[in-house]
Amino acid sequence: FTMLEALLTLFVLTIGVLGVAGLQIQGMRSGGMAMQRTIVL
């Protein structure tokens, strides 16, 4: 591997991890709203 290939791989991996973290945060937010709606019901 050259340095460029290693950096490109690291960049793609970082984008993937950030995407998964964003999905996790969105899921927690939606779960909280669903809990509030359930309480009101």
PDB file of all heavy atoms in Angstrom:
ATOM      1  N   PHE A   1       0.840  -1.205   0.000  1.00  0.00           N
ATOM      2  CA  PHE A   1       0.000   0.000   0.000  1.00  0.00           C
ATOM      3  C   PHE A   1       0.864   1.240   0.000  1.00  0.00           C
ATOM      4  O   PHE A   1       1.867   1.319   0.676  1.00  0.00           O
ATOM      5  CB  PHE A   1      -0.888   0.040   1.249  1.00  0.00           C
ATOM      6  CG  PHE A   1      -2.026  -0.922   1.190  1.00  0.00           C
ATOM      7  CD1 PHE A   1      -2.076  -2.004   2.050  1.00  0.00           C
ATOM      8  CD2 PHE A   1      -3.066  -0.739   0.298  1.00  0.00           C
ATOM      9  CE1 PHE A   1      -3.128  -2.883   2.019  1.00  0.00           C
ATOM     10  CE2 PHE A   1      -4.120  -1.617   0.255  1.00  0.00           C
ATOM     11  CZ  PHE A   1      -4.162  -2.697   1.125  1.00  0.00           C
ATOM     12  N   THR A   2       0.414   2.186  -0.730  1.00  0.00           N
ATOM     13  CA  THR A   2       1.090   3.478  -0.677  1.00  0.00           C
ATOM     14  C   THR A   2       0.408   4.330   0.380  1.00  0.00           C
ATOM     15  O   THR A   2      -0.658   3.985   0.893  1.00  0.00           O
ATOM     16  CB  THR A   2       1.007   4.194  -2.035  1.00  0.00           C
ATOM     17  OG1 THR A   2      -0.373   4.454  -2.324  1.00  0.00           O
ATOM     18  CG2 THR A   2       1.626   3.376  -3.139  1.00  0.00           C
ATOM     19  N   MET A   3       0.992   5.418   0.705  1.00  0.00           N
ATOM     20  CA  MET A   3       0.426   6.299   1.717  1.00  0.00           C
ATOM     21  C   MET A   3      -0.932   6.835   1.256  1.00  0.00           C
ATOM     22  O   MET A   3      -1.862   6.961   2.041  1.00  0.00           O
ATOM     23  CB  MET A   3       1.389   7.454   1.986  1.00  0.00           C
ATOM     24  CG  MET A   3       0.914   8.391   3.063  1.00  0.00           C
ATOM     25  SD  MET A   3       0.780   7.591   4.653  1.00  0.00           S
ATOM     26  CE  MET A   3       2.434   7.743   5.218  1.00  0.00           C
ATOM     27  N   LEU A   4      -1.068   7.116  -0.023  1.00  0.00           N
ATOM     28  CA  LEU A   4      -2.321   7.631  -0.561  1.00  0.00           C
ATOM     29  C   LEU A   4      -3.444   6.602  -0.418  1.00  0.00           C
ATOM     30  O   LEU A   4      -4.557   6.940  -0.029  1.00  0.00           O
ATOM     31  CB  LEU A   4      -2.134   8.027  -2.031  1.00  0.00           C
ATOM     32  CG  LEU A   4      -3.352   8.609  -2.722  1.00  0.00           C
ATOM     33  CD1 LEU A   4      -3.782   9.900  -2.025  1.00  0.00           C
ATOM     34  CD2 LEU A   4      -3.038   8.872  -4.182  1.00  0.00           C
ATOM     35  N   GLU A   5      -3.153   5.349  -0.705  1.00  0.00           N
ATOM     36  CA  GLU A   5      -4.172   4.305  -0.565  1.00  0.00           C
ATOM     37  C   GLU A   5      -4.575   4.125   0.893  1.00  0.00           C
ATOM     38  O   GLU A   5      -5.747   3.927   1.207  1.00  0.00           O
ATOM     39  CB  GLU A   5      -3.657   2.993  -1.139  1.00  0.00           C
ATOM     40  CG  GLU A   5      -3.551   2.988  -2.643  1.00  0.00           C
ATOM     41  CD  GLU A   5      -2.823   1.757  -3.165  1.00  0.00           C
ATOM     42  OE1 GLU A   5      -1.948   1.233  -2.439  1.00  0.00           O
ATOM     43  OE2 GLU A   5      -3.128   1.336  -4.279  1.00  0.00           O
ATOM     44  N   ALA A   6      -3.634   4.205   1.804  1.00  0.00           N
ATOM     45  CA  ALA A   6      -3.944   4.071   3.227  1.00  0.00           C
ATOM     46  C   ALA A   6      -4.804   5.231   3.714  1.00  0.00           C
ATOM     47  O   ALA A   6      -5.769   5.042   4.465  1.00  0.00           O
ATOM     48  CB  ALA A   6      -2.660   3.990   4.042  1.00  0.00           C
ATOM     49  N   LEU A   7      -4.503   6.442   3.290  1.00  0.00           N
ATOM     50  CA  LEU A   7      -5.299   7.599   3.678  1.00  0.00           C
ATOM     51  C   LEU A   7      -6.709   7.544   3.093  1.00  0.00           C
ATOM     52  O   LEU A   7      -7.688   7.895   3.757  1.00  0.00           O
ATOM     53  CB  LEU A   7      -4.599   8.886   3.260  1.00  0.00           C
ATOM     54  CG  LEU A   7      -3.375   9.276   4.084  1.00  0.00           C
ATOM     55  CD1 LEU A   7      -2.703  10.512   3.482  1.00  0.00           C
ATOM     56  CD2 LEU A   7      -3.763   9.534   5.517  1.00  0.00           C
ATOM     57  N   LEU A   8      -6.829   7.086   1.875  1.00  0.00           N
ATOM     58  CA  LEU A   8      -8.137   6.953   1.242  1.00  0.00           C
ATOM     59  C   LEU A   8      -8.987   5.912   1.974  1.00  0.00           C
ATOM     60  O   LEU A   8     -10.173   6.124   2.223  1.00  0.00           O
ATOM     61  CB  LEU A   8      -7.975   6.576  -0.232  1.00  0.00           C
ATOM     62  CG  LEU A   8      -9.255   6.527  -1.047  1.00  0.00           C
ATOM     63  CD1 LEU A   8      -9.936   7.881  -1.042  1.00  0.00           C
ATOM     64  CD2 LEU A   8      -8.969   6.080  -2.452  1.00  0.00           C
ATOM     65  N   THR A   9      -8.370   4.815   2.352  1.00  0.00           N
ATOM     66  CA  THR A   9      -9.083   3.788   3.108  1.00  0.00           C
ATOM     67  C   THR A   9      -9.536   4.328   4.458  1.00  0.00           C
ATOM     68  O   THR A   9     -10.670   4.095   4.893  1.00  0.00           O
ATOM     69  CB  THR A   9      -8.183   2.557   3.312  1.00  0.00           C
ATOM     70  OG1 THR A   9      -7.767   2.072   2.040  1.00  0.00           O
ATOM     71  CG2 THR A   9      -8.903   1.470   4.066  1.00  0.00           C
ATOM     72  N   LEU A  10      -8.672   5.054   5.136  1.00  0.00           N
ATOM     73  CA  LEU A  10      -9.016   5.653   6.419  1.00  0.00           C
ATOM     74  C   LEU A  10     -10.152   6.659   6.272  1.00  0.00           C
ATOM     75  O   LEU A  10     -11.068   6.711   7.105  1.00  0.00           O
ATOM     76  CB  LEU A  10      -7.779   6.318   7.018  1.00  0.00           C
ATOM     77  CG  LEU A  10      -7.942   6.885   8.422  1.00  0.00           C
ATOM     78  CD1 LEU A  10      -8.232   5.772   9.416  1.00  0.00           C
ATOM     79  CD2 LEU A  10      -6.686   7.636   8.819  1.00  0.00           C
ATOM     80  N   PHE A  11     -10.161   7.435   5.215  1.00  0.00           N
ATOM     81  CA  PHE A  11     -11.217   8.411   4.950  1.00  0.00           C
ATOM     82  C   PHE A  11     -12.559   7.714   4.730  1.00  0.00           C
ATOM     83  O   PHE A  11     -13.574   8.118   5.312  1.00  0.00           O
ATOM     84  CB  PHE A  11     -10.839   9.267   3.732  1.00  0.00           C
ATOM     85  CG  PHE A  11     -11.906  10.238   3.334  1.00  0.00           C
ATOM     86  CD1 PHE A  11     -12.139  11.374   4.090  1.00  0.00           C
ATOM     87  CD2 PHE A  11     -12.673  10.010   2.201  1.00  0.00           C
ATOM     88  CE1 PHE A  11     -13.126  12.276   3.720  1.00  0.00           C
ATOM     89  CE2 PHE A  11     -13.655  10.901   1.830  1.00  0.00           C
ATOM     90  CZ  PHE A  11     -13.884  12.038   2.588  1.00  0.00           C
ATOM     91  N   VAL A  12     -12.594   6.681   3.928  1.00  0.00           N
ATOM     92  CA  VAL A  12     -13.835   5.944   3.662  1.00  0.00           C
ATOM     93  C   VAL A  12     -14.353   5.292   4.946  1.00  0.00           C
ATOM     94  O   VAL A  12     -15.553   5.326   5.235  1.00  0.00           O
ATOM     95  CB  VAL A  12     -13.612   4.895   2.550  1.00  0.00           C
ATOM     96  CG1 VAL A  12     -14.793   3.961   2.436  1.00  0.00           C
ATOM     97  CG2 VAL A  12     -13.350   5.590   1.219  1.00  0.00           C
ATOM     98  N   LEU A  13     -13.469   4.734   5.738  1.00  0.00           N
ATOM     99  CA  LEU A  13     -13.856   4.115   6.999  1.00  0.00           C
ATOM    100  C   LEU A  13     -14.423   5.157   7.968  1.00  0.00           C
ATOM    101  O   LEU A  13     -15.425   4.912   8.644  1.00  0.00           O
ATOM    102  CB  LEU A  13     -12.648   3.412   7.623  1.00  0.00           C
ATOM    103  CG  LEU A  13     -12.916   2.648   8.915  1.00  0.00           C
ATOM    104  CD1 LEU A  13     -13.861   1.489   8.657  1.00  0.00           C
ATOM    105  CD2 LEU A  13     -11.612   2.148   9.491  1.00  0.00           C
ATOM    106  N   THR A  14     -13.822   6.336   8.015  1.00  0.00           N
ATOM    107  CA  THR A  14     -14.301   7.408   8.886  1.00  0.00           C
ATOM    108  C   THR A  14     -15.694   7.863   8.479  1.00  0.00           C
ATOM    109  O   THR A  14     -16.566   8.063   9.329  1.00  0.00           O
ATOM    110  CB  THR A  14     -13.324   8.598   8.853  1.00  0.00           C
ATOM    111  OG1 THR A  14     -12.033   8.141   9.248  1.00  0.00           O
ATOM    112  CG2 THR A  14     -13.781   9.720   9.762  1.00  0.00           C
ATOM    113  N   ILE A  15     -15.939   8.011   7.199  1.00  0.00           N
ATOM    114  CA  ILE A  15     -17.265   8.409   6.705  1.00  0.00           C
ATOM    115  C   ILE A  15     -18.304   7.352   7.094  1.00  0.00           C
ATOM    116  O   ILE A  15     -19.410   7.676   7.526  1.00  0.00           O
ATOM    117  CB  ILE A  15     -17.244   8.618   5.180  1.00  0.00           C
ATOM    118  CG1 ILE A  15     -16.340   9.795   4.810  1.00  0.00           C
ATOM    119  CG2 ILE A  15     -18.650   8.837   4.637  1.00  0.00           C
ATOM    120  CD1 ILE A  15     -16.798  11.122   5.351  1.00  0.00           C
ATOM    121  N   GLY A  16     -17.962   6.097   6.983  1.00  0.00           N
ATOM    122  CA  GLY A  16     -18.886   5.024   7.368  1.00  0.00           C
ATOM    123  C   GLY A  16     -19.205   5.044   8.848  1.00  0.00           C
ATOM    124  O   GLY A  16     -20.364   4.901   9.252  1.00  0.00           O
ATOM    125  N   VAL A  17     -18.203   5.237   9.688  1.00  0.00           N
ATOM    126  CA  VAL A  17     -18.423   5.269  11.140  1.00  0.00           C
ATOM    127  C   VAL A  17     -19.268   6.482  11.518  1.00  0.00           C
ATOM    128  O   VAL A  17     -20.160   6.393  12.367  1.00  0.00           O
ATOM    129  CB  VAL A  17     -17.079   5.267  11.893  1.00  0.00           C
ATOM    130  CG1 VAL A  17     -17.259   5.580  13.361  1.00  0.00           C
ATOM    131  CG2 VAL A  17     -16.397   3.924  11.722  1.00  0.00           C
ATOM    132  N   LEU A  18     -19.033   7.630  10.902  1.00  0.00           N
ATOM    133  CA  LEU A  18     -19.834   8.816  11.176  1.00  0.00           C
ATOM    134  C   LEU A  18     -21.288   8.610  10.749  1.00  0.00           C
ATOM    135  O   LEU A  18     -22.215   9.069  11.415  1.00  0.00           O
ATOM    136  CB  LEU A  18     -19.241  10.038  10.477  1.00  0.00           C
ATOM    137  CG  LEU A  18     -17.965  10.599  11.095  1.00  0.00           C
ATOM    138  CD1 LEU A  18     -17.423  11.737  10.241  1.00  0.00           C
ATOM    139  CD2 LEU A  18     -18.221  11.075  12.506  1.00  0.00           C
ATOM    140  N   GLY A  19     -21.505   7.920   9.658  1.00  0.00           N
ATOM    141  CA  GLY A  19     -22.865   7.610   9.212  1.00  0.00           C
ATOM    142  C   GLY A  19     -23.601   6.724  10.206  1.00  0.00           C
ATOM    143  O   GLY A  19     -24.770   6.957  10.526  1.00  0.00           O
ATOM    144  N   VAL A  20     -22.929   5.711  10.716  1.00  0.00           N
ATOM    145  CA  VAL A  20     -23.539   4.828  11.710  1.00  0.00           C
ATOM    146  C   VAL A  20     -23.833   5.599  12.997  1.00  0.00           C
ATOM    147  O   VAL A  20     -24.891   5.416  13.611  1.00  0.00           O
ATOM    148  CB  VAL A  20     -22.627   3.612  11.977  1.00  0.00           C
ATOM    149  CG1 VAL A  20     -23.103   2.820  13.175  1.00  0.00           C
ATOM    150  CG2 VAL A  20     -22.560   2.722  10.752  1.00  0.00           C
ATOM    151  N   ALA A  21     -22.940   6.485  13.418  1.00  0.00           N
ATOM    152  CA  ALA A  21     -23.171   7.285  14.619  1.00  0.00           C
ATOM    153  C   ALA A  21     -24.368   8.210  14.432  1.00  0.00           C
ATOM    154  O   ALA A  21     -25.181   8.392  15.344  1.00  0.00           O
ATOM    155  CB  ALA A  21     -21.923   8.083  14.969  1.00  0.00           C
ATOM    156  N   GLY A  22     -24.502   8.794  13.254  1.00  0.00           N
ATOM    157  CA  GLY A  22     -25.655   9.649  12.960  1.00  0.00           C
ATOM    158  C   GLY A  22     -26.961   8.878  13.010  1.00  0.00           C
ATOM    159  O   GLY A  22     -27.967   9.372  13.525  1.00  0.00           O
ATOM    160  N   LEU A  23     -26.956   7.672  12.482  1.00  0.00           N
ATOM    161  CA  LEU A  23     -28.156   6.830  12.543  1.00  0.00           C
ATOM    162  C   LEU A  23     -28.504   6.475  13.982  1.00  0.00           C
ATOM    163  O   LEU A  23     -29.682   6.426  14.359  1.00  0.00           O
ATOM    164  CB  LEU A  23     -27.950   5.559  11.726  1.00  0.00           C
ATOM    165  CG  LEU A  23     -28.028   5.706  10.212  1.00  0.00           C
ATOM    166  CD1 LEU A  23     -27.662   4.395   9.540  1.00  0.00           C
ATOM    167  CD2 LEU A  23     -29.421   6.132   9.803  1.00  0.00           C
ATOM    168  N   GLN A  24     -27.514   6.223  14.799  1.00  0.00           N
ATOM    169  CA  GLN A  24     -27.743   5.906  16.211  1.00  0.00           C
ATOM    170  C   GLN A  24     -28.375   7.086  16.942  1.00  0.00           C
ATOM    171  O   GLN A  24     -29.319   6.916  17.705  1.00  0.00           O
ATOM    172  CB  GLN A  24     -26.425   5.505  16.882  1.00  0.00           C
ATOM    173  CG  GLN A  24     -26.556   5.164  18.336  1.00  0.00           C
ATOM    174  CD  GLN A  24     -27.287   3.861  18.561  1.00  0.00           C
ATOM    175  OE1 GLN A  24     -27.371   3.017  17.691  1.00  0.00           O
ATOM    176  NE2 GLN A  24     -27.829   3.719  19.749  1.00  0.00           N
ATOM    177  N   ILE A  25     -27.873   8.286  16.698  1.00  0.00           N
ATOM    178  CA  ILE A  25     -28.424   9.483  17.334  1.00  0.00           C
ATOM    179  C   ILE A  25     -29.861   9.710  16.887  1.00  0.00           C
ATOM    180  O   ILE A  25     -30.740  10.014  17.699  1.00  0.00           O
ATOM    181  CB  ILE A  25     -27.536  10.706  17.029  1.00  0.00           C
ATOM    182  CG1 ILE A  25     -26.206  10.571  17.766  1.00  0.00           C
ATOM    183  CG2 ILE A  25     -28.224  12.007  17.401  1.00  0.00           C
ATOM    184  CD1 ILE A  25     -25.179  11.593  17.368  1.00  0.00           C
ATOM    185  N   GLN A  26     -30.123   9.542  15.601  1.00  0.00           N
ATOM    186  CA  GLN A  26     -31.480   9.718  15.087  1.00  0.00           C
ATOM    187  C   GLN A  26     -32.424   8.685  15.684  1.00  0.00           C
ATOM    188  O   GLN A  26     -33.569   8.993  16.011  1.00  0.00           O
ATOM    189  CB  GLN A  26     -31.486   9.618  13.551  1.00  0.00           C
ATOM    190  CG  GLN A  26     -32.833   9.870  12.927  1.00  0.00           C
ATOM    191  CD  GLN A  26     -33.312  11.296  13.134  1.00  0.00           C
ATOM    192  OE1 GLN A  26     -32.520  12.219  13.270  1.00  0.00           O
ATOM    193  NE2 GLN A  26     -34.610  11.464  13.175  1.00  0.00           N
ATOM    194  N   GLY A  27     -31.968   7.470  15.848  1.00  0.00           N
ATOM    195  CA  GLY A  27     -32.787   6.422  16.459  1.00  0.00           C
ATOM    196  C   GLY A  27     -33.111   6.728  17.910  1.00  0.00           C
ATOM    197  O   GLY A  27     -34.239   6.508  18.363  1.00  0.00           O
ATOM    198  N   MET A  28     -32.148   7.247  18.647  1.00  0.00           N
ATOM    199  CA  MET A  28     -32.394   7.609  20.044  1.00  0.00           C
ATOM    200  C   MET A  28     -33.386   8.763  20.138  1.00  0.00           C
ATOM    201  O   MET A  28     -34.266   8.782  21.002  1.00  0.00           O
ATOM    202  CB  MET A  28     -31.081   7.975  20.726  1.00  0.00           C
ATOM    203  CG  MET A  28     -30.165   6.784  20.948  1.00  0.00           C
ATOM    204  SD  MET A  28     -28.570   7.240  21.635  1.00  0.00           S
ATOM    205  CE  MET A  28     -29.061   7.847  23.226  1.00  0.00           C
ATOM    206  N   ARG A  29     -33.274   9.728  19.243  1.00  0.00           N
ATOM    207  CA  ARG A  29     -34.190  10.863  19.224  1.00  0.00           C
ATOM    208  C   ARG A  29     -35.619  10.399  18.923  1.00  0.00           C
ATOM    209  O   ARG A  29     -36.566  10.809  19.579  1.00  0.00           O
ATOM    210  CB  ARG A  29     -33.719  11.869  18.181  1.00  0.00           C
ATOM    211  CG  ARG A  29     -34.134  13.279  18.471  1.00  0.00           C
ATOM    212  CD  ARG A  29     -33.565  14.255  17.459  1.00  0.00           C
ATOM    213  NE  ARG A  29     -32.143  14.478  17.713  1.00  0.00           N
ATOM    214  CZ  ARG A  29     -31.244  14.715  16.788  1.00  0.00           C
ATOM    215  NH1 ARG A  29     -31.586  14.753  15.528  1.00  0.00           N
ATOM    216  NH2 ARG A  29     -29.995  14.922  17.104  1.00  0.00           N
ATOM    217  N   SER A  30     -35.756   9.524  17.943  1.00  0.00           N
ATOM    218  CA  SER A  30     -37.079   9.010  17.587  1.00  0.00           C
ATOM    219  C   SER A  30     -37.661   8.174  18.718  1.00  0.00           C
ATOM    220  O   SER A  30     -38.865   8.224  18.977  1.00  0.00           O
ATOM    221  CB  SER A  30     -36.989   8.159  16.315  1.00  0.00           C
ATOM    222  OG  SER A  30     -36.596   8.949  15.224  1.00  0.00           O
ATOM    223  N   GLY A  31     -36.820   7.416  19.393  1.00  0.00           N
ATOM    224  CA  GLY A  31     -37.282   6.626  20.530  1.00  0.00           C
ATOM    225  C   GLY A  31     -37.781   7.496  21.666  1.00  0.00           C
ATOM    226  O   GLY A  31     -38.784   7.178  22.316  1.00  0.00           O
ATOM    227  N   GLY A  32     -37.113   8.598  21.906  1.00  0.00           N
ATOM    228  CA  GLY A  32     -37.551   9.534  22.947  1.00  0.00           C
ATOM    229  C   GLY A  32     -38.893  10.164  22.621  1.00  0.00           C
ATOM    230  O   GLY A  32     -39.757  10.308  23.493  1.00  0.00           O
ATOM    231  N   MET A  33     -39.086  10.535  21.362  1.00  0.00           N
ATOM    232  CA  MET A  33     -40.370  11.114  20.957  1.00  0.00           C
ATOM    233  C   MET A  33     -41.482  10.075  21.051  1.00  0.00           C
ATOM    234  O   MET A  33     -42.608  10.393  21.450  1.00  0.00           O
ATOM    235  CB  MET A  33     -40.263  11.688  19.544  1.00  0.00           C
ATOM    236  CG  MET A  33     -39.422  12.945  19.486  1.00  0.00           C
ATOM    237  SD  MET A  33     -39.311  13.653  17.834  1.00  0.00           S
ATOM    238  CE  MET A  33     -41.008  14.071  17.534  1.00  0.00           C
ATOM    239  N   ALA A  34     -41.188   8.851  20.678  1.00  0.00           N
ATOM    240  CA  ALA A  34     -42.191   7.788  20.782  1.00  0.00           C
ATOM    241  C   ALA A  34     -42.563   7.542  22.236  1.00  0.00           C
ATOM    242  O   ALA A  34     -43.737   7.304  22.552  1.00  0.00           O
ATOM    243  CB  ALA A  34     -41.668   6.511  20.137  1.00  0.00           C
ATOM    244  N   MET A  35     -41.593   7.624  23.131  1.00  0.00           N
ATOM    245  CA  MET A  35     -41.880   7.443  24.552  1.00  0.00           C
ATOM    246  C   MET A  35     -42.794   8.558  25.061  1.00  0.00           C
ATOM    247  O   MET A  35     -43.745   8.298  25.798  1.00  0.00           O
ATOM    248  CB  MET A  35     -40.589   7.419  25.363  1.00  0.00           C
ATOM    249  CG  MET A  35     -40.823   7.157  26.834  1.00  0.00           C
ATOM    250  SD  MET A  35     -39.331   7.226  27.831  1.00  0.00           S
ATOM    251  CE  MET A  35     -38.950   8.960  27.757  1.00  0.00           C
ATOM    252  N   GLN A  36     -42.542   9.798  24.651  1.00  0.00           N
ATOM    253  CA  GLN A  36     -43.389  10.907  25.072  1.00  0.00           C
ATOM    254  C   GLN A  36     -44.816  10.737  24.552  1.00  0.00           C
ATOM    255  O   GLN A  36     -45.783  10.980  25.274  1.00  0.00           O
ATOM    256  CB  GLN A  36     -42.813  12.233  24.591  1.00  0.00           C
ATOM    257  CG  GLN A  36     -41.568  12.650  25.336  1.00  0.00           C
ATOM    258  CD  GLN A  36     -40.996  13.948  24.826  1.00  0.00           C
ATOM    259  OE1 GLN A  36     -41.332  14.422  23.743  1.00  0.00           O
ATOM    260  NE2 GLN A  36     -40.122  14.549  25.614  1.00  0.00           N
ATOM    261  N   ARG A  37     -44.960  10.307  23.321  1.00  0.00           N
ATOM    262  CA  ARG A  37     -46.301  10.075  22.771  1.00  0.00           C
ATOM    263  C   ARG A  37     -47.025   8.959  23.508  1.00  0.00           C
ATOM    264  O   ARG A  37     -48.228   9.032  23.740  1.00  0.00           O
ATOM    265  CB  ARG A  37     -46.204   9.753  21.286  1.00  0.00           C
ATOM    266  CG  ARG A  37     -45.856  10.945  20.444  1.00  0.00           C
ATOM    267  CD  ARG A  37     -45.843  10.610  18.974  1.00  0.00           C
ATOM    268  NE  ARG A  37     -45.522  11.796  18.225  1.00  0.00           N
ATOM    269  CZ  ARG A  37     -44.751  11.809  17.163  1.00  0.00           C
ATOM    270  NH1 ARG A  37     -44.226  10.694  16.709  1.00  0.00           N
ATOM    271  NH2 ARG A  37     -44.511  12.937  16.530  1.00  0.00           N
ATOM    272  N   THR A  38     -46.297   7.936  23.884  1.00  0.00           N
ATOM    273  CA  THR A  38     -46.891   6.840  24.642  1.00  0.00           C
ATOM    274  C   THR A  38     -47.348   7.320  26.009  1.00  0.00           C
ATOM    275  O   THR A  38     -48.434   6.946  26.472  1.00  0.00           O
ATOM    276  CB  THR A  38     -45.890   5.682  24.782  1.00  0.00           C
ATOM    277  OG1 THR A  38     -45.501   5.246  23.482  1.00  0.00           O
ATOM    278  CG2 THR A  38     -46.489   4.522  25.542  1.00  0.00           C
ATOM    279  N   ILE A  39     -46.558   8.148  26.668  1.00  0.00           N
ATOM    280  CA  ILE A  39     -46.939   8.701  27.972  1.00  0.00           C
ATOM    281  C   ILE A  39     -48.223   9.510  27.839  1.00  0.00           C
ATOM    282  O   ILE A  39     -49.151   9.375  28.639  1.00  0.00           O
ATOM    283  CB  ILE A  39     -45.797   9.556  28.552  1.00  0.00           C
ATOM    284  CG1 ILE A  39     -44.643   8.673  29.007  1.00  0.00           C
ATOM    285  CG2 ILE A  39     -46.290  10.426  29.703  1.00  0.00           C
ATOM    286  CD1 ILE A  39     -43.394   9.442  29.359  1.00  0.00           C
ATOM    287  N   VAL A  40     -48.294  10.365  26.820  1.00  0.00           N
ATOM    288  CA  VAL A  40     -49.483  11.197  26.623  1.00  0.00           C
ATOM    289  C   VAL A  40     -50.704  10.319  26.351  1.00  0.00           C
ATOM    290  O   VAL A  40     -51.791  10.564  26.888  1.00  0.00           O
ATOM    291  CB  VAL A  40     -49.252  12.212  25.485  1.00  0.00           C
ATOM    292  CG1 VAL A  40     -50.542  12.878  25.071  1.00  0.00           C
ATOM    293  CG2 VAL A  40     -48.236  13.249  25.915  1.00  0.00           C
ATOM    294  N   LEU A  41     -50.534   9.287  25.554  1.00  0.00           N
ATOM    295  CA  LEU A  41     -51.650   8.388  25.261  1.00  0.00           C
ATOM    296  C   LEU A  41     -52.138   7.690  26.526  1.00  0.00           C
ATOM    297  O   LEU A  41     -53.349   7.620  26.794  1.00  0.00           O
ATOM    298  CB  LEU A  41     -51.226   7.353  24.214  1.00  0.00           C
ATOM    299  CG  LEU A  41     -52.278   6.356  23.779  1.00  0.00           C
ATOM    300  CD1 LEU A  41     -53.415   7.060  23.068  1.00  0.00           C
ATOM    301  CD2 LEU A  41     -51.664   5.306  22.887  1.00  0.00           C
TER     302      LEU A  41
END
